[in-house]
């Protein structure tokens, strides 16, 4: 399996407004604590994007990538879907507007700044001759938006602190089942991968901090009942002594 995630980016500098909108609709998500290049990045856990759009009514791009192969981007303005991109491994569809024209990723930034439907529909074709794969196209989209470091793999629904601070919204809405899931997914795996020499967990300290957070919110160190793998088993298999200590404590 390749990279799989879903996240979106709101065209605003007002982090508090995004946070309040999430709280208003009862959503659970991580939010970048600082805007980047005029965008506030949001990494959803349990959240209805359409309901949020009706509440925020700000320009927003939703980005979804499945196993590096299939990508979908949705561009919203004033709570309305303006244009949508969809790709498939064997069939390059391209970024299309209501009139069927294709759009260049390099024009998305300018189109949002104009904040008009016409601005999007005047964008030129995106390098169809290169037939880029979905992962590369998504990376290019983040580069164009000036959000390279916001390209965060949230496919496991856990987003760890990395190159920028995050706010977690809606923690009081988490169920016991969700807390157990988040705890399991946060346990670091520090074994060395023979083929690459790298570990599974890029930042074990962030994993450990996340473990402490979920435990402080009430996650059971014993994990979910009637499961074959407990947090302690996963921590031992991952080779992280500190994770084992946290669970035993």
Protein backbone atom coordinates (compact mmCIF):
# COMPACT_ATOMS: atom_id res chain seq x y z
CA UNK A 1 0.00 0.00 0.00
CA UNK A 2 1.16 3.52 -0.77
CA UNK A 3 0.31 6.87 0.73
CA UNK A 4 -3.36 7.34 1.58
CA UNK A 5 -4.81 10.42 3.19
CA UNK A 6 -7.54 13.04 3.17
CA UNK A 7 -7.00 16.64 4.23
CA UNK A 8 -8.01 20.12 3.20
CA UNK A 9 -6.74 23.67 3.26
CA UNK A 10 -8.82 26.79 3.92
CA UNK A 11 -7.94 30.10 2.25
CA UNK A 12 -7.68 32.24 5.38
CA UNK A 13 -5.22 33.51 7.98
CA UNK A 14 -7.85 33.18 10.74
CA UNK A 15 -7.08 29.92 12.55
CA UNK A 16 -9.62 30.73 15.27
CA UNK A 17 -12.44 31.02 12.72
CA UNK A 18 -11.66 27.54 11.38
CA UNK A 19 -11.46 26.16 14.92
CA UNK A 20 -14.81 27.69 15.89
CA UNK A 21 -16.47 26.33 12.75
CA UNK A 22 -15.21 22.84 13.59
CA UNK A 23 -16.50 23.15 17.15
CA UNK A 24 -19.85 24.48 15.94
CA UNK A 25 -20.53 21.44 13.76
CA UNK A 26 -19.08 18.94 16.24
CA UNK A 27 -16.12 17.92 14.09
CA UNK A 28 -12.86 16.30 15.21
CA UNK A 29 -9.65 17.32 13.43
CA UNK A 30 -6.10 18.55 13.72
CA UNK A 31 -5.54 22.18 12.62
CA UNK A 32 -2.26 23.84 11.78
CA UNK A 33 -1.75 26.36 14.61
CA UNK A 34 -0.18 28.83 12.16
CA UNK A 35 -1.30 29.69 8.62
CA UNK A 36 1.08 29.05 5.74
CA UNK A 37 1.10 31.13 2.57
CA UNK A 38 -2.47 32.27 3.30
CA UNK A 39 -3.81 28.76 4.02
CA UNK A 40 -4.89 27.02 7.22
CA UNK A 41 -4.35 23.26 6.89
CA UNK A 42 -6.85 20.85 8.44
CA UNK A 43 -6.39 17.10 8.95
CA UNK A 44 -9.76 15.51 9.69
CA UNK A 45 -10.47 12.59 11.97
CA UNK A 46 -14.26 12.60 12.14
CA UNK A 47 -15.69 15.46 10.16
CA UNK A 48 -18.30 16.24 7.51
CA UNK A 49 -16.60 18.40 4.91
CA UNK A 50 -19.88 19.49 3.30
CA UNK A 51 -21.35 20.62 6.61
CA UNK A 52 -18.15 22.51 7.40
CA UNK A 53 -18.24 24.22 4.01
CA UNK A 54 -21.76 25.46 4.67
CA UNK A 55 -20.54 26.91 7.96
CA UNK A 56 -17.25 28.43 6.79
CA UNK A 57 -18.09 29.60 3.23
CA UNK A 58 -14.38 30.28 2.63
CA UNK A 59 -12.32 29.18 -0.39
CA UNK A 60 -11.12 25.64 0.32
CA UNK A 61 -9.37 22.81 -1.49
CA UNK A 62 -10.02 19.23 -0.38
CA UNK A 63 -7.22 16.76 -1.21
CA UNK A 64 -7.57 12.98 -1.17
CA UNK A 65 -5.00 10.41 -2.26
CA UNK A 66 -5.45 6.64 -2.26
CA UNK A 67 -2.44 4.28 -2.34
CA UNK A 68 -0.48 6.77 -4.48
CA UNK A 69 -2.71 5.83 -7.44
CA UNK A 70 -6.00 7.70 -7.27
CA UNK A 71 -6.28 11.37 -6.35
CA UNK A 72 -9.25 13.66 -5.95
CA UNK A 73 -9.22 17.42 -5.42
CA UNK A 74 -12.34 19.49 -4.79
CA UNK A 75 -12.31 23.28 -4.90
CA UNK A 76 -15.06 25.12 -3.03
CA UNK A 77 -16.04 28.78 -2.92
CA UNK A 78 -18.87 30.17 -0.77
CA UNK A 79 -19.85 26.65 0.22
CA UNK A 80 -20.30 25.56 -3.40
CA UNK A 81 -18.25 22.97 -5.31
CA UNK A 82 -16.67 24.97 -8.12
CA UNK A 83 -14.40 22.46 -9.79
CA UNK A 84 -13.29 18.88 -9.23
CA UNK A 85 -10.28 16.79 -10.23
CA UNK A 86 -10.31 13.00 -10.37
CA UNK A 87 -7.59 10.62 -11.57
CA UNK A 88 -7.32 6.92 -12.18
CA UNK A 89 -4.18 4.83 -12.82
CA UNK A 90 -5.18 3.94 -16.39
CA UNK A 91 -7.19 6.98 -17.39
CA UNK A 92 -5.99 10.57 -16.97
CA UNK A 93 -9.12 12.64 -16.54
CA UNK A 94 -7.58 15.99 -15.62
CA UNK A 95 -8.86 18.93 -13.65
CA UNK A 96 -12.17 20.06 -15.15
CA UNK A 97 -14.65 22.82 -14.62
CA UNK A 98 -18.30 23.05 -15.50
CA UNK A 99 -17.47 23.60 -19.17
CA UNK A 100 -15.22 20.51 -19.39
CA UNK A 101 -11.96 22.43 -19.84
CA UNK A 102 -8.86 21.21 -18.06
CA UNK A 103 -6.99 23.31 -15.53
CA UNK A 104 -3.35 23.70 -14.61
CA UNK A 105 -2.31 23.06 -11.03
CA UNK A 106 -0.06 26.10 -11.39
CA UNK A 107 -3.15 28.25 -11.89
CA UNK A 108 -5.04 27.12 -8.80
CA UNK A 109 -3.29 29.63 -6.54
CA UNK A 110 -4.07 32.56 -8.83
CA UNK A 111 -7.62 31.35 -9.32
CA UNK A 112 -8.26 31.30 -5.61
CA UNK A 113 -6.77 34.76 -5.21
CA UNK A 114 -9.23 36.05 -7.80
CA UNK A 115 -11.90 34.07 -5.95
CA UNK A 116 -14.14 33.78 -8.97
CA UNK A 117 -15.53 30.89 -10.92
CA UNK A 118 -14.38 32.59 -14.12
CA UNK A 119 -10.81 32.68 -12.82
CA UNK A 120 -10.79 28.90 -12.49
CA UNK A 121 -12.40 28.32 -15.86
CA UNK A 122 -9.79 30.48 -17.64
CA UNK A 123 -6.90 28.33 -16.36
CA UNK A 124 -4.86 26.53 -19.01
CA UNK A 125 -4.31 22.80 -19.50
CA UNK A 126 -2.12 20.94 -17.02
CA UNK A 127 0.82 19.06 -18.66
CA UNK A 128 -1.28 16.26 -20.05
CA UNK A 129 1.60 15.08 -22.20
CA UNK A 130 3.54 14.04 -19.09
CA UNK A 131 0.75 11.80 -17.79
CA UNK A 132 1.96 12.23 -14.18
CA UNK A 133 0.97 9.70 -11.54
CA UNK A 134 -1.47 10.69 -8.80
CA UNK A 135 1.18 10.93 -6.06
CA UNK A 136 3.44 13.23 -8.12
CA UNK A 137 0.47 15.35 -9.14
CA UNK A 138 -0.57 15.75 -5.52
CA UNK A 139 2.97 16.73 -4.54
CA UNK A 140 2.94 19.32 -7.32
CA UNK A 141 -0.36 20.70 -6.06
CA UNK A 142 1.09 21.19 -2.57
CA UNK A 143 4.17 22.83 -4.08
CA UNK A 144 2.05 25.24 -6.11
CA UNK A 145 0.03 26.18 -3.05
CA UNK A 146 3.24 26.76 -1.09
CA UNK A 147 2.33 23.98 1.33
CA UNK A 148 5.11 21.45 0.73
CA UNK A 149 5.70 20.81 4.42
CA UNK A 150 1.96 20.49 5.01
CA UNK A 151 1.97 17.33 2.86
CA UNK A 152 1.19 15.08 5.84
CA UNK A 153 0.21 11.44 5.58
CA UNK A 154 -2.99 11.23 7.63
CA UNK A 155 -4.13 7.92 6.21
CA UNK A 156 -4.07 6.21 9.59
CA UNK A 157 -6.15 9.05 11.03
CA UNK A 158 -3.35 10.04 13.39
CA UNK A 159 -1.43 13.23 12.62
CA UNK A 160 1.74 13.74 14.64
CA UNK A 161 3.57 17.00 15.35
CA UNK A 162 6.34 17.28 12.78
CA UNK A 163 7.45 20.53 11.14
CA UNK A 164 4.67 22.78 12.43
CA UNK A 165 2.50 22.99 15.57
CA UNK A 166 -0.98 21.45 15.53
CA UNK A 167 -4.19 22.11 17.47
CA UNK A 168 -6.53 19.20 18.17
CA UNK A 169 -10.20 20.15 18.09
CA UNK A 170 -13.06 18.04 19.43
CA UNK A 171 -11.17 15.81 21.86
CA UNK A 172 -14.17 15.74 24.20
CA UNK A 173 -16.22 14.10 21.43
CA UNK A 174 -13.98 11.04 21.12
CA UNK A 175 -15.53 7.72 22.10
CA UNK A 176 -13.69 5.07 24.11
CA UNK A 177 -13.39 3.00 20.95
CA UNK A 178 -11.81 5.92 19.08
CA UNK A 179 -9.40 6.67 21.93
CA UNK A 180 -8.27 3.03 21.88
CA UNK A 181 -7.76 3.23 18.11
CA UNK A 182 -5.78 6.46 18.36
CA UNK A 183 -3.60 5.01 21.10
CA UNK A 184 -2.80 1.92 19.03
CA UNK A 185 -1.95 3.96 15.97
CA UNK A 186 0.33 6.28 17.96
CA UNK A 187 2.60 3.55 19.32
CA UNK A 188 6.02 4.02 17.64
CA UNK A 189 7.75 1.29 15.67
CA UNK A 190 11.50 1.88 15.85
CA UNK A 191 12.67 -1.31 14.18
CA UNK A 192 15.16 -0.79 11.37
CA UNK A 193 13.91 -1.65 7.88
CA UNK A 194 16.71 -3.73 6.28
CA UNK A 195 16.10 -2.49 2.74
CA UNK A 196 16.17 1.21 3.58
CA UNK A 197 17.88 1.47 6.95
CA UNK A 198 14.98 3.62 8.15
CA UNK A 199 12.50 3.11 10.97
CA UNK A 200 8.73 2.95 10.56
CA UNK A 201 8.21 5.89 12.93
CA UNK A 202 9.88 9.05 11.64
CA UNK A 203 9.56 10.88 14.95
CA UNK A 204 9.21 8.50 17.92
CA UNK A 205 9.10 11.40 20.41
CA UNK A 206 5.97 12.72 18.71
CA UNK A 207 4.46 9.23 18.88
CA UNK A 208 5.20 9.00 22.59
CA UNK A 209 3.69 12.44 23.22
CA UNK A 210 0.56 11.35 21.35
CA UNK A 211 0.36 8.16 23.43
CA UNK A 212 0.45 10.20 26.63
CA UNK A 213 -2.25 12.49 25.28
CA UNK A 214 -4.69 9.68 24.45
CA UNK A 215 -4.05 7.98 27.80
CA UNK A 216 -4.66 11.27 29.62
CA UNK A 217 -7.99 11.55 27.80
CA UNK A 218 -9.04 8.13 29.03
CA UNK A 219 -7.74 5.61 26.49
CA UNK A 220 -7.34 2.18 28.09
CA UNK A 221 -3.74 0.92 28.21
CA UNK A 222 -5.24 -2.56 27.78
CA UNK A 223 -6.72 -1.65 24.41
CA UNK A 224 -10.07 -2.79 23.08
CA UNK A 225 -11.65 -5.89 24.59
CA UNK A 226 -11.57 -9.19 22.72
CA UNK A 227 -8.71 -8.22 20.39
CA UNK A 228 -5.63 -10.32 19.69
CA UNK A 229 -3.19 -7.39 19.73
CA UNK A 230 -2.99 -5.12 22.76
CA UNK A 231 -1.08 -1.82 22.99
CA UNK A 232 1.58 -3.55 25.07
CA UNK A 233 2.09 -6.28 22.47
CA UNK A 234 2.38 -3.68 19.72
CA UNK A 235 4.86 -1.63 21.76
CA UNK A 236 7.04 -4.69 22.41
CA UNK A 237 6.93 -5.71 18.74
CA UNK A 238 7.86 -2.16 17.74
CA UNK A 239 10.96 -2.30 19.90
CA UNK A 240 10.25 0.93 21.80
CA UNK A 241 11.14 0.53 25.48
CA UNK A 242 9.76 3.97 26.37
CA UNK A 243 6.35 3.07 24.89
CA UNK A 244 6.32 -0.10 27.00
CA UNK A 245 7.14 1.92 30.12
CA UNK A 246 4.35 4.42 29.41
CA UNK A 247 1.78 1.64 29.10
CA UNK A 248 2.98 -0.19 32.21
CA UNK A 249 2.89 3.02 34.24
